[in-house]
């Protein structure tokens, strides 16, 4: 992977998310923190390799769940925007072979982040992750899970954000809220199909100093 991998509007080369359902430009890339994988490894008492949750990007020393909706990350040549948390569904539970996994994963509020690609380019192992813009209204990825789980105060904050923040529009907000419906689906998503067939989707490690 020394040559890196191309990232386009629909995601990493070889794992493009062409479908609107559980995919498309709003969910082009899925990022997870190595530290959160390690936390889950301790909880489950099993080793978890990078990419185990179907993520494309694994970051070290970077708080993915503490990131805020709409913020932008520069990763190598690529500019990404945080769109929504990942919500576990039955297919994810089947892959993990853990009873009650979807409920447990969602309750832990360690969802990782779905990202939109604003500027295409290549990402290389070890590329730094830099937050280059944050909205004035901070709703973290971990907090935003609450909107999908019917926590009305969080939902109101997201709606207010959609009305007032440059770079974050009502379309993005509606996509985020619609995840509540999507998370209950049983159809297998492209990312989950990739995760179910190792070596599966390409993934790449990132770090942040």
C-alpha atoms as a PDB file:
ATOM      1  CA  UNK A   1       0.000   0.000   0.000  1.00  0.00           C
ATOM      2  CA  UNK A   2       3.093   2.240  -0.226  1.00  0.00           C
ATOM      3  CA  UNK A   3       1.625   3.937  -3.295  1.00  0.00           C
ATOM      4  CA  UNK A   4      -1.475   4.899  -1.342  1.00  0.00           C
ATOM      5  CA  UNK A   5      -4.980   4.635  -2.651  1.00  0.00           C
ATOM      6  CA  UNK A   6      -7.182   6.935  -4.712  1.00  0.00           C
ATOM      7  CA  UNK A   7     -10.203   8.480  -2.998  1.00  0.00           C
ATOM      8  CA  UNK A   8     -13.035   9.812  -5.139  1.00  0.00           C
ATOM      9  CA  UNK A   9     -16.475  11.240  -4.479  1.00  0.00           C
ATOM     10  CA  UNK A  10     -17.863   7.739  -3.939  1.00  0.00           C
ATOM     11  CA  UNK A  11     -15.062   6.514  -1.717  1.00  0.00           C
ATOM     12  CA  UNK A  12     -11.847   4.534  -1.869  1.00  0.00           C
ATOM     13  CA  UNK A  13     -10.846   2.924  -5.141  1.00  0.00           C
ATOM     14  CA  UNK A  14     -12.251  -0.598  -5.125  1.00  0.00           C
ATOM     15  CA  UNK A  15     -14.931   0.209  -2.536  1.00  0.00           C
ATOM     16  CA  UNK A  16     -16.955   2.922  -4.229  1.00  0.00           C
ATOM     17  CA  UNK A  17     -20.352   3.499  -2.615  1.00  0.00           C
ATOM     18  CA  UNK A  18     -22.588   3.938  -5.625  1.00  0.00           C
ATOM     19  CA  UNK A  19     -25.874   2.986  -3.923  1.00  0.00           C
ATOM     20  CA  UNK A  20     -27.880   5.714  -2.218  1.00  0.00           C
ATOM     21  CA  UNK A  21     -28.953   3.264   0.499  1.00  0.00           C
ATOM     22  CA  UNK A  22     -26.099   2.779   2.967  1.00  0.00           C
ATOM     23  CA  UNK A  23     -23.783   4.508   0.514  1.00  0.00           C
ATOM     24  CA  UNK A  24     -23.536   7.304  -1.990  1.00  0.00           C
ATOM     25  CA  UNK A  25     -21.554  10.482  -1.537  1.00  0.00           C
ATOM     26  CA  UNK A  26     -22.870  11.102   1.987  1.00  0.00           C
ATOM     27  CA  UNK A  27     -21.346   7.820   3.224  1.00  0.00           C
ATOM     28  CA  UNK A  28     -18.401   7.584   0.871  1.00  0.00           C
ATOM     29  CA  UNK A  29     -15.785   6.821   3.540  1.00  0.00           C
ATOM     30  CA  UNK A  30     -16.051   5.237   6.987  1.00  0.00           C
ATOM     31  CA  UNK A  31     -13.406   6.098   9.597  1.00  0.00           C
ATOM     32  CA  UNK A  32     -12.714   4.478  12.942  1.00  0.00           C
ATOM     33  CA  UNK A  33     -10.125   5.015  15.666  1.00  0.00           C
ATOM     34  CA  UNK A  34      -7.639   2.287  16.513  1.00  0.00           C
ATOM     35  CA  UNK A  35      -8.125   3.155  20.170  1.00  0.00           C
ATOM     36  CA  UNK A  36     -11.844   2.372  19.901  1.00  0.00           C
ATOM     37  CA  UNK A  37     -11.072  -0.948  18.240  1.00  0.00           C
ATOM     38  CA  UNK A  38      -8.743  -1.692  21.156  1.00  0.00           C
ATOM     39  CA  UNK A  39     -11.526  -0.778  23.615  1.00  0.00           C
ATOM     40  CA  UNK A  40     -13.886  -3.186  21.870  1.00  0.00           C
ATOM     41  CA  UNK A  41     -11.173  -5.836  21.817  1.00  0.00           C
ATOM     42  CA  UNK A  42     -10.964  -5.583  25.625  1.00  0.00           C
ATOM     43  CA  UNK A  43     -14.756  -5.724  25.932  1.00  0.00           C
ATOM     44  CA  UNK A  44     -15.108  -8.749  23.670  1.00  0.00           C
ATOM     45  CA  UNK A  45     -11.868 -10.449  24.707  1.00  0.00           C
ATOM     46  CA  UNK A  46     -10.934 -11.023  21.085  1.00  0.00           C
ATOM     47  CA  UNK A  47      -8.290  -9.320  18.910  1.00  0.00           C
ATOM     48  CA  UNK A  48      -9.726  -6.913  16.339  1.00  0.00           C
ATOM     49  CA  UNK A  49      -7.672  -6.151  13.251  1.00  0.00           C
ATOM     50  CA  UNK A  50      -7.859  -2.881  11.333  1.00  0.00           C
ATOM     51  CA  UNK A  51     -10.875  -2.918   9.039  1.00  0.00           C
ATOM     52  CA  UNK A  52     -12.784  -5.363  11.252  1.00  0.00           C
ATOM     53  CA  UNK A  53     -15.811  -3.061  11.395  1.00  0.00           C
ATOM     54  CA  UNK A  54     -15.761  -2.480   7.648  1.00  0.00           C
ATOM     55  CA  UNK A  55     -13.989   0.853   8.010  1.00  0.00           C
ATOM     56  CA  UNK A  56     -11.837   2.267   5.225  1.00  0.00           C
ATOM     57  CA  UNK A  57      -9.627   4.442   7.428  1.00  0.00           C
ATOM     58  CA  UNK A  58      -8.124   3.528  10.793  1.00  0.00           C
ATOM     59  CA  UNK A  59      -6.677   6.476  12.700  1.00  0.00           C
ATOM     60  CA  UNK A  60      -4.195   6.366  15.563  1.00  0.00           C
ATOM     61  CA  UNK A  61      -4.208   9.152  18.145  1.00  0.00           C
ATOM     62  CA  UNK A  62      -7.202  10.896  16.599  1.00  0.00           C
ATOM     63  CA  UNK A  63     -10.553  11.108  18.384  1.00  0.00           C
ATOM     64  CA  UNK A  64     -13.052  10.206  15.655  1.00  0.00           C
ATOM     65  CA  UNK A  65     -16.056  10.060  17.990  1.00  0.00           C
ATOM     66  CA  UNK A  66     -15.135  13.375  19.598  1.00  0.00           C
ATOM     67  CA  UNK A  67     -15.148  15.039  16.188  1.00  0.00           C
ATOM     68  CA  UNK A  68     -18.124  17.243  15.420  1.00  0.00           C
ATOM     69  CA  UNK A  69     -20.690  17.072  12.650  1.00  0.00           C
ATOM     70  CA  UNK A  70     -19.762  19.097   9.568  1.00  0.00           C
ATOM     71  CA  UNK A  71     -16.110  19.581  10.521  1.00  0.00           C
ATOM     72  CA  UNK A  72     -13.558  19.070   7.770  1.00  0.00           C
ATOM     73  CA  UNK A  73     -10.433  16.949   7.842  1.00  0.00           C
ATOM     74  CA  UNK A  74      -7.403  17.143   5.603  1.00  0.00           C
ATOM     75  CA  UNK A  75      -5.881  13.684   5.150  1.00  0.00           C
ATOM     76  CA  UNK A  76      -3.018  13.768   2.689  1.00  0.00           C
ATOM     77  CA  UNK A  77      -4.418  15.172  -0.548  1.00  0.00           C
ATOM     78  CA  UNK A  78      -8.017  14.487   0.442  1.00  0.00           C
ATOM     79  CA  UNK A  79     -10.482  16.857   2.126  1.00  0.00           C
ATOM     80  CA  UNK A  80     -13.228  15.061   4.051  1.00  0.00           C
ATOM     81  CA  UNK A  81     -16.332  16.259   5.908  1.00  0.00           C
ATOM     82  CA  UNK A  82     -17.925  14.514   8.878  1.00  0.00           C
ATOM     83  CA  UNK A  83     -21.505  13.601   7.988  1.00  0.00           C
ATOM     84  CA  UNK A  84     -22.997  11.100  10.432  1.00  0.00           C
ATOM     85  CA  UNK A  85     -22.299   8.309  12.918  1.00  0.00           C
ATOM     86  CA  UNK A  86     -22.434   4.697  11.848  1.00  0.00           C
ATOM     87  CA  UNK A  87     -25.401   2.813  13.284  1.00  0.00           C
ATOM     88  CA  UNK A  88     -25.141  -0.951  13.562  1.00  0.00           C
ATOM     89  CA  UNK A  89     -27.718  -3.169  11.843  1.00  0.00           C
ATOM     90  CA  UNK A  90     -28.419  -6.877  11.754  1.00  0.00           C
ATOM     91  CA  UNK A  91     -25.857  -7.557   9.042  1.00  0.00           C
ATOM     92  CA  UNK A  92     -23.093  -6.017  11.163  1.00  0.00           C
ATOM     93  CA  UNK A  93     -24.264  -8.167  14.061  1.00  0.00           C
ATOM     94  CA  UNK A  94     -24.110 -11.269  11.891  1.00  0.00           C
ATOM     95  CA  UNK A  95     -20.559 -10.454  10.832  1.00  0.00           C
ATOM     96  CA  UNK A  96     -19.472  -9.956  14.452  1.00  0.00           C
ATOM     97  CA  UNK A  97     -21.227 -13.159  15.607  1.00  0.00           C
ATOM     98  CA  UNK A  98     -22.108 -11.393  18.856  1.00  0.00           C
ATOM     99  CA  UNK A  99     -25.638 -11.761  20.206  1.00  0.00           C
ATOM    100  CA  UNK A 100     -27.302  -8.376  20.588  1.00  0.00           C
ATOM    101  CA  UNK A 101     -24.381  -6.697  18.845  1.00  0.00           C
ATOM    102  CA  UNK A 102     -26.319  -3.916  17.105  1.00  0.00           C
ATOM    103  CA  UNK A 103     -27.884  -2.714  20.351  1.00  0.00           C
ATOM    104  CA  UNK A 104     -24.591  -2.990  22.208  1.00  0.00           C
ATOM    105  CA  UNK A 105     -22.617  -1.162  19.535  1.00  0.00           C
ATOM    106  CA  UNK A 106     -25.125   1.680  19.286  1.00  0.00           C
ATOM    107  CA  UNK A 107     -25.364   2.050  23.070  1.00  0.00           C
ATOM    108  CA  UNK A 108     -21.581   2.357  23.439  1.00  0.00           C
ATOM    109  CA  UNK A 109     -21.550   5.639  21.485  1.00  0.00           C
ATOM    110  CA  UNK A 110     -18.322   4.682  19.707  1.00  0.00           C
ATOM    111  CA  UNK A 111     -19.804   4.664  16.201  1.00  0.00           C
ATOM    112  CA  UNK A 112     -17.022   6.008  14.031  1.00  0.00           C
ATOM    113  CA  UNK A 113     -17.844   8.547  11.339  1.00  0.00           C
ATOM    114  CA  UNK A 114     -19.214   8.492   7.831  1.00  0.00           C
ATOM    115  CA  UNK A 115     -17.459  11.069   5.661  1.00  0.00           C
ATOM    116  CA  UNK A 116     -18.155  12.976   2.465  1.00  0.00           C
ATOM    117  CA  UNK A 117     -15.255  13.568   0.050  1.00  0.00           C
ATOM    118  CA  UNK A 118     -14.965  17.269  -0.745  1.00  0.00           C
ATOM    119  CA  UNK A 119     -11.606  17.109  -2.536  1.00  0.00           C
ATOM    120  CA  UNK A 120     -10.466  13.955  -4.286  1.00  0.00           C
ATOM    121  CA  UNK A 121      -6.900  12.689  -4.175  1.00  0.00           C
ATOM    122  CA  UNK A 122      -4.723   9.947  -2.732  1.00  0.00           C
ATOM    123  CA  UNK A 123      -4.267   8.841   0.856  1.00  0.00           C
ATOM    124  CA  UNK A 124      -1.105   7.132   2.070  1.00  0.00           C
ATOM    125  CA  UNK A 125      -0.360   5.088   5.204  1.00  0.00           C
ATOM    126  CA  UNK A 126       0.842   7.423   7.938  1.00  0.00           C
ATOM    127  CA  UNK A 127      -0.755  10.556   6.484  1.00  0.00           C
ATOM    128  CA  UNK A 128      -1.527  13.135   9.154  1.00  0.00           C
ATOM    129  CA  UNK A 129      -5.130  13.998   9.920  1.00  0.00           C
ATOM    130  CA  UNK A 130      -5.710  17.710  10.425  1.00  0.00           C
ATOM    131  CA  UNK A 131      -8.963  19.410  11.390  1.00  0.00           C
ATOM    132  CA  UNK A 132      -9.098  22.400   9.072  1.00  0.00           C
ATOM    133  CA  UNK A 133     -12.593  23.735   9.878  1.00  0.00           C
ATOM    134  CA  UNK A 134     -15.135  23.354  12.661  1.00  0.00           C
ATOM    135  CA  UNK A 135     -18.655  24.795  12.847  1.00  0.00           C
ATOM    136  CA  UNK A 136     -19.496  27.139  15.693  1.00  0.00           C
ATOM    137  CA  UNK A 137     -22.155  24.717  16.964  1.00  0.00           C
ATOM    138  CA  UNK A 138     -20.479  21.574  18.204  1.00  0.00           C
ATOM    139  CA  UNK A 139     -22.377  18.292  18.079  1.00  0.00           C
ATOM    140  CA  UNK A 140     -19.985  15.401  18.407  1.00  0.00           C
ATOM    141  CA  UNK A 141     -20.258  12.203  16.435  1.00  0.00           C
ATOM    142  CA  UNK A 142     -20.853  10.323  19.682  1.00  0.00           C
ATOM    143  CA  UNK A 143     -23.592  12.750  20.764  1.00  0.00           C
ATOM    144  CA  UNK A 144     -25.291  12.644  17.376  1.00  0.00           C
ATOM    145  CA  UNK A 145     -26.172   8.977  17.876  1.00  0.00           C
ATOM    146  CA  UNK A 146     -28.832  10.317  20.226  1.00  0.00           C
ATOM    147  CA  UNK A 147     -30.746  11.954  17.371  1.00  0.00           C
ATOM    148  CA  UNK A 148     -31.101   8.621  15.636  1.00  0.00           C
ATOM    149  CA  UNK A 149     -32.212   7.031  18.922  1.00  0.00           C
ATOM    150  CA  UNK A 150     -34.985   9.629  19.339  1.00  0.00           C
ATOM    151  CA  UNK A 151     -33.267  11.941  21.841  1.00  0.00           C
ATOM    152  CA  UNK A 152     -35.224  15.055  20.950  1.00  0.00           C
ATOM    153  CA  UNK A 153     -32.799  17.578  22.445  1.00  0.00           C
ATOM    154  CA  UNK A 154     -29.996  16.309  20.199  1.00  0.00           C
ATOM    155  CA  UNK A 155     -32.296  16.278  17.195  1.00  0.00           C
ATOM    156  CA  UNK A 156     -33.267  19.910  17.822  1.00  0.00           C
ATOM    157  CA  UNK A 157     -29.604  20.896  18.014  1.00  0.00           C
ATOM    158  CA  UNK A 158     -28.933  19.252  14.654  1.00  0.00           C
ATOM    159  CA  UNK A 159     -31.903  21.032  13.091  1.00  0.00           C
ATOM    160  CA  UNK A 160     -30.684  24.369  14.481  1.00  0.00           C
ATOM    161  CA  UNK A 161     -27.241  23.639  13.095  1.00  0.00           C
ATOM    162  CA  UNK A 162     -28.671  22.938   9.647  1.00  0.00           C
ATOM    163  CA  UNK A 163     -30.408  26.314   9.681  1.00  0.00           C
ATOM    164  CA  UNK A 164     -27.423  28.357  10.835  1.00  0.00           C
ATOM    165  CA  UNK A 165     -24.096  26.812   9.815  1.00  0.00           C
ATOM    166  CA  UNK A 166     -22.363  27.603   6.516  1.00  0.00           C
ATOM    167  CA  UNK A 167     -21.281  24.384   4.876  1.00  0.00           C
ATOM    168  CA  UNK A 168     -23.933  22.295   6.595  1.00  0.00           C
ATOM    169  CA  UNK A 169     -27.335  22.264   4.959  1.00  0.00           C
ATOM    170  CA  UNK A 170     -30.771  20.784   5.547  1.00  0.00           C
ATOM    171  CA  UNK A 171     -30.030  18.020   3.052  1.00  0.00           C
ATOM    172  CA  UNK A 172     -27.155  16.842   5.215  1.00  0.00           C
ATOM    173  CA  UNK A 173     -29.300  17.088   8.340  1.00  0.00           C
ATOM    174  CA  UNK A 174     -32.093  15.042   6.788  1.00  0.00           C
ATOM    175  CA  UNK A 175     -29.587  12.412   5.708  1.00  0.00           C
ATOM    176  CA  UNK A 176     -28.316  12.215   9.255  1.00  0.00           C
ATOM    177  CA  UNK A 177     -31.767  11.785  10.752  1.00  0.00           C
ATOM    178  CA  UNK A 178     -32.759   9.267   8.079  1.00  0.00           C
ATOM    179  CA  UNK A 179     -30.052   6.991   9.442  1.00  0.00           C
ATOM    180  CA  UNK A 180     -32.565   6.053  12.123  1.00  0.00           C
ATOM    181  CA  UNK A 181     -34.589   4.266   9.463  1.00  0.00           C
ATOM    182  CA  UNK A 182     -31.557   2.972   7.600  1.00  0.00           C
ATOM    183  CA  UNK A 183     -30.040   1.456  10.750  1.00  0.00           C
ATOM    184  CA  UNK A 184     -32.973  -0.939  11.043  1.00  0.00           C
ATOM    185  CA  UNK A 185     -32.513  -2.321   7.531  1.00  0.00           C
ATOM    186  CA  UNK A 186     -31.553  -5.919   6.981  1.00  0.00           C
ATOM    187  CA  UNK A 187     -30.243  -5.484   3.442  1.00  0.00           C
ATOM    188  CA  UNK A 188     -26.491  -5.854   3.204  1.00  0.00           C
ATOM    189  CA  UNK A 189     -24.660  -2.641   2.451  1.00  0.00           C
ATOM    190  CA  UNK A 190     -21.635  -2.432   0.133  1.00  0.00           C
ATOM    191  CA  UNK A 191     -19.300  -1.829   3.090  1.00  0.00           C
ATOM    192  CA  UNK A 192     -20.758  -4.751   5.005  1.00  0.00           C
ATOM    193  CA  UNK A 193     -20.519  -6.973   1.949  1.00  0.00           C
ATOM    194  CA  UNK A 194     -16.850  -6.048   1.794  1.00  0.00           C
ATOM    195  CA  UNK A 195     -16.378  -6.731   5.507  1.00  0.00           C
ATOM    196  CA  UNK A 196     -18.043 -10.110   5.146  1.00  0.00           C
ATOM    197  CA  UNK A 197     -15.534 -11.239   2.525  1.00  0.00           C
ATOM    198  CA  UNK A 198     -11.980 -10.664   3.778  1.00  0.00           C
ATOM    199  CA  UNK A 199      -9.666  -9.342   2.492  1.00  0.00           C
ATOM    200  CA  UNK A 200     -12.631  -7.216   1.412  1.00  0.00           C
ATOM    201  CA  UNK A 201     -12.646  -3.469   1.101  1.00  0.00           C
ATOM    202  CA  UNK A 202      -9.350  -1.657   0.957  1.00  0.00           C
ATOM    203  CA  UNK A 203      -8.434   0.086   4.168  1.00  0.00           C
ATOM    204  CA  UNK A 204      -5.570   2.291   5.137  1.00  0.00           C
ATOM    205  CA  UNK A 205      -4.018   3.314   8.428  1.00  0.00           C
ATOM    206  CA  UNK A 206      -3.714   6.976   9.333  1.00  0.00           C
ATOM    207  CA  UNK A 207      -2.083   8.762  12.221  1.00  0.00           C
ATOM    208  CA  UNK A 208      -2.200  12.124  13.911  1.00  0.00           C
ATOM    209  CA  UNK A 209       0.687  13.581  15.850  1.00  0.00           C
END
